[in-house]
Amino acid sequence: MDKPRFLLDSNILIDILNHKLDLLAFVNTLPDCEIYINPVVEIEVLAKDGMSEQEEIEARALPGSFKWVEIDKPVREIAIQIRRAKELRLPDALIVASAITLNATVLSNDPHLRDYQRPGYMARPCILSE
């Protein structure tokens, strides 16, 4: 059986860095899972306004804890389909497209990603905190 896969949205990493979410506690409830991020998530986290030097050090170290999915041609093509079909911002479309290529669940606090579904593809967002 395949391991469960999750792709983190940037707001989840920001909540981890702000100590509002304990990712380790969540991961411990899912034995043997794979957790991914993509470059969009890294950029959004590192571009967060008002970060202290220490927060930036932590933010730069955190992505190394996860597996990476690159924004390759299949991800870009799916993102194009999503942008045409839905009114998602480009970063969200790239995050959802990355999850679709991995057959992963998107972990996000964004309600507009909660029920994203497209024929032939599916990303299952999970709201972790309010």
C-alpha atoms as a PDB file:
ATOM      1  CA  MET A   1       0.000   0.000   0.000  1.00  0.00           C
ATOM      2  CA  ASP A   2       1.223   3.493  -0.851  1.00  0.00           C
ATOM      3  CA  LYS A   3       2.165   5.869   1.927  1.00  0.00           C
ATOM      4  CA  PRO A   4      -0.242   8.764   2.484  1.00  0.00           C
ATOM      5  CA  ARG A   5       1.118  11.949   0.917  1.00  0.00           C
ATOM      6  CA  PHE A   6       0.527  15.520   2.027  1.00  0.00           C
ATOM      7  CA  LEU A   7       1.519  18.805   0.420  1.00  0.00           C
ATOM      8  CA  LEU A   8       1.774  21.739   2.805  1.00  0.00           C
ATOM      9  CA  ASP A   9       0.365  25.137   1.932  1.00  0.00           C
ATOM     10  CA  SER A  10       2.460  28.124   3.014  1.00  0.00           C
ATOM     11  CA  ASN A  11      -0.005  29.071   5.763  1.00  0.00           C
ATOM     12  CA  ILE A  12       0.705  25.744   7.481  1.00  0.00           C
ATOM     13  CA  LEU A  13       4.456  26.435   7.527  1.00  0.00           C
ATOM     14  CA  ILE A  14       3.790  29.960   8.794  1.00  0.00           C
ATOM     15  CA  ASP A  15       1.598  28.540  11.583  1.00  0.00           C
ATOM     16  CA  ILE A  16       4.397  26.109  12.469  1.00  0.00           C
ATOM     17  CA  LEU A  17       6.928  28.950  12.600  1.00  0.00           C
ATOM     18  CA  ASN A  18       4.517  31.045  14.723  1.00  0.00           C
ATOM     19  CA  HIS A  19       4.026  28.079  17.096  1.00  0.00           C
ATOM     20  CA  LYS A  20       0.290  27.950  16.323  1.00  0.00           C
ATOM     21  CA  LEU A  21       0.490  24.442  14.894  1.00  0.00           C
ATOM     22  CA  ASP A  22       2.438  21.406  15.993  1.00  0.00           C
ATOM     23  CA  LEU A  23       3.179  19.557  12.768  1.00  0.00           C
ATOM     24  CA  LEU A  24       5.087  16.816  14.574  1.00  0.00           C
ATOM     25  CA  ALA A  25       2.014  15.968  16.675  1.00  0.00           C
ATOM     26  CA  PHE A  26      -0.085  15.775  13.497  1.00  0.00           C
ATOM     27  CA  VAL A  27       2.479  13.657  11.638  1.00  0.00           C
ATOM     28  CA  ASN A  28       2.697  11.280  14.572  1.00  0.00           C
ATOM     29  CA  THR A  29      -1.003  10.484  14.070  1.00  0.00           C
ATOM     30  CA  LEU A  30      -0.194   9.354  10.514  1.00  0.00           C
ATOM     31  CA  PRO A  31       2.492   6.720  10.602  1.00  0.00           C
ATOM     32  CA  ASP A  32       4.751   6.419   7.595  1.00  0.00           C
ATOM     33  CA  CYS A  33       3.499   9.375   5.541  1.00  0.00           C
ATOM     34  CA  GLU A  34       5.333  11.601   3.074  1.00  0.00           C
ATOM     35  CA  ILE A  35       5.158  15.390   3.439  1.00  0.00           C
ATOM     36  CA  TYR A  36       5.984  17.649   0.516  1.00  0.00           C
ATOM     37  CA  ILE A  37       6.339  21.318  -0.268  1.00  0.00           C
ATOM     38  CA  ASN A  38       7.001  23.086  -3.547  1.00  0.00           C
ATOM     39  CA  PRO A  39       9.019  26.230  -4.391  1.00  0.00           C
ATOM     40  CA  VAL A  40       5.905  28.447  -4.237  1.00  0.00           C
ATOM     41  CA  VAL A  41       5.452  27.522  -0.577  1.00  0.00           C
ATOM     42  CA  GLU A  42       9.082  28.291   0.210  1.00  0.00           C
ATOM     43  CA  ILE A  43       8.861  31.674  -1.559  1.00  0.00           C
ATOM     44  CA  GLU A  44       5.620  32.640   0.189  1.00  0.00           C
ATOM     45  CA  VAL A  45       7.015  31.713   3.606  1.00  0.00           C
ATOM     46  CA  LEU A  46      10.314  33.542   3.095  1.00  0.00           C
ATOM     47  CA  ALA A  47       8.532  36.622   1.713  1.00  0.00           C
ATOM     48  CA  LYS A  48       6.427  36.980   4.875  1.00  0.00           C
ATOM     49  CA  ASP A  49       6.476  40.620   5.939  1.00  0.00           C
ATOM     50  CA  GLY A  50       8.141  41.636   9.205  1.00  0.00           C
ATOM     51  CA  MET A  51      10.230  38.521   9.829  1.00  0.00           C
ATOM     52  CA  SER A  52      13.018  38.881  12.358  1.00  0.00           C
ATOM     53  CA  GLU A  53      16.487  37.553  11.544  1.00  0.00           C
ATOM     54  CA  GLN A  54      15.894  34.543  13.811  1.00  0.00           C
ATOM     55  CA  GLU A  55      12.517  33.840  12.174  1.00  0.00           C
ATOM     56  CA  GLU A  56      14.158  33.926   8.760  1.00  0.00           C
ATOM     57  CA  ILE A  57      16.819  31.447   9.891  1.00  0.00           C
ATOM     58  CA  GLU A  58      14.067  29.111  11.120  1.00  0.00           C
ATOM     59  CA  ALA A  59      12.014  29.671   7.953  1.00  0.00           C
ATOM     60  CA  ARG A  60      14.990  28.809   5.740  1.00  0.00           C
ATOM     61  CA  ALA A  61      15.716  25.640   7.736  1.00  0.00           C
ATOM     62  CA  LEU A  62      12.145  24.301   7.879  1.00  0.00           C
ATOM     63  CA  PRO A  63      11.726  23.370   4.173  1.00  0.00           C
ATOM     64  CA  GLY A  64      14.670  20.981   4.473  1.00  0.00           C
ATOM     65  CA  SER A  65      12.470  18.833   6.723  1.00  0.00           C
ATOM     66  CA  PHE A  66      10.180  17.907   3.831  1.00  0.00           C
ATOM     67  CA  LYS A  67      10.294  16.295   0.416  1.00  0.00           C
ATOM     68  CA  TRP A  68      10.187  18.580  -2.619  1.00  0.00           C
ATOM     69  CA  VAL A  69       8.023  18.577  -5.682  1.00  0.00           C
ATOM     70  CA  GLU A  70       9.315  20.774  -8.468  1.00  0.00           C
ATOM     71  CA  ILE A  71       7.126  22.875 -10.717  1.00  0.00           C
ATOM     72  CA  ASP A  72       7.823  20.843 -13.828  1.00  0.00           C
ATOM     73  CA  LYS A  73       5.841  20.719 -17.078  1.00  0.00           C
ATOM     74  CA  PRO A  74       3.070  18.363 -15.789  1.00  0.00           C
ATOM     75  CA  VAL A  75       2.511  20.613 -12.747  1.00  0.00           C
ATOM     76  CA  ARG A  76       2.450  23.699 -14.958  1.00  0.00           C
ATOM     77  CA  GLU A  77      -0.050  22.132 -17.369  1.00  0.00           C
ATOM     78  CA  ILE A  78      -2.409  21.166 -14.538  1.00  0.00           C
ATOM     79  CA  ALA A  79      -2.033  24.656 -13.030  1.00  0.00           C
ATOM     80  CA  ILE A  80      -3.061  26.124 -16.386  1.00  0.00           C
ATOM     81  CA  GLN A  81      -6.182  23.914 -16.397  1.00  0.00           C
ATOM     82  CA  ILE A  82      -6.996  24.954 -12.839  1.00  0.00           C
ATOM     83  CA  ARG A  83      -6.563  28.668 -13.596  1.00  0.00           C
ATOM     84  CA  ARG A  84      -8.852  28.333 -16.615  1.00  0.00           C
ATOM     85  CA  ALA A  85     -11.525  26.429 -14.695  1.00  0.00           C
ATOM     86  CA  LYS A  86     -11.380  28.085 -11.266  1.00  0.00           C
ATOM     87  CA  GLU A  87     -10.653  31.491  -9.871  1.00  0.00           C
ATOM     88  CA  LEU A  88      -7.635  30.424  -7.858  1.00  0.00           C
ATOM     89  CA  ARG A  89      -4.626  32.669  -7.575  1.00  0.00           C
ATOM     90  CA  LEU A  90      -1.561  31.379  -9.411  1.00  0.00           C
ATOM     91  CA  PRO A  91       0.291  30.320  -6.215  1.00  0.00           C
ATOM     92  CA  ASP A  92      -2.745  28.305  -5.056  1.00  0.00           C
ATOM     93  CA  ALA A  93      -3.157  26.758  -8.514  1.00  0.00           C
ATOM     94  CA  LEU A  94       0.504  25.673  -8.467  1.00  0.00           C
ATOM     95  CA  ILE A  95       0.128  24.203  -4.972  1.00  0.00           C
ATOM     96  CA  VAL A  96      -3.022  22.272  -5.940  1.00  0.00           C
ATOM     97  CA  ALA A  97      -1.421  21.142  -9.222  1.00  0.00           C
ATOM     98  CA  SER A  98       1.632  19.884  -7.305  1.00  0.00           C
ATOM     99  CA  ALA A  99      -0.637  17.902  -4.995  1.00  0.00           C
ATOM    100  CA  ILE A 100      -2.537  16.448  -7.933  1.00  0.00           C
ATOM    101  CA  THR A 101       0.662  15.196  -9.596  1.00  0.00           C
ATOM    102  CA  LEU A 102       1.646  13.533  -6.312  1.00  0.00           C
ATOM    103  CA  ASN A 103      -1.850  12.211  -5.527  1.00  0.00           C
ATOM    104  CA  ALA A 104      -1.437  14.078  -2.243  1.00  0.00           C
ATOM    105  CA  THR A 105      -3.727  15.814   0.218  1.00  0.00           C
ATOM    106  CA  VAL A 106      -3.251  19.579   0.481  1.00  0.00           C
ATOM    107  CA  LEU A 107      -2.955  20.725   4.083  1.00  0.00           C
ATOM    108  CA  SER A 108      -4.160  24.309   4.244  1.00  0.00           C
ATOM    109  CA  ASN A 109      -6.044  26.795   6.352  1.00  0.00           C
ATOM    110  CA  ASP A 110      -7.516  28.427   3.244  1.00  0.00           C
ATOM    111  CA  PRO A 111     -11.261  27.693   2.953  1.00  0.00           C
ATOM    112  CA  HIS A 112     -11.203  28.267  -0.806  1.00  0.00           C
ATOM    113  CA  LEU A 113      -8.995  25.159  -1.176  1.00  0.00           C
ATOM    114  CA  ARG A 114     -11.193  22.976   1.043  1.00  0.00           C
ATOM    115  CA  ASP A 115     -13.369  21.400  -1.610  1.00  0.00           C
ATOM    116  CA  TYR A 116     -11.258  21.843  -4.707  1.00  0.00           C
ATOM    117  CA  GLN A 117     -12.169  19.128  -7.137  1.00  0.00           C
ATOM    118  CA  ARG A 118     -11.761  18.763 -10.874  1.00  0.00           C
ATOM    119  CA  PRO A 119     -12.846  15.801 -13.030  1.00  0.00           C
ATOM    120  CA  GLY A 120     -10.009  13.329 -13.172  1.00  0.00           C
ATOM    121  CA  TYR A 121      -8.064  15.056 -10.407  1.00  0.00           C
ATOM    122  CA  MET A 122      -8.611  15.604  -6.737  1.00  0.00           C
ATOM    123  CA  ALA A 123      -6.816  17.404  -3.951  1.00  0.00           C
ATOM    124  CA  ARG A 124      -8.259  16.971  -0.467  1.00  0.00           C
ATOM    125  CA  PRO A 125      -7.453  19.991   1.675  1.00  0.00           C
ATOM    126  CA  CYS A 126      -7.564  19.643   5.425  1.00  0.00           C
ATOM    127  CA  ILE A 127      -8.263  22.617   7.670  1.00  0.00           C
ATOM    128  CA  LEU A 128      -6.031  22.217  10.715  1.00  0.00           C
ATOM    129  CA  SER A 129      -6.593  25.429  12.628  1.00  0.00           C
ATOM    130  CA  GLU A 130      -8.977  28.328  12.536  1.00  0.00           C
END
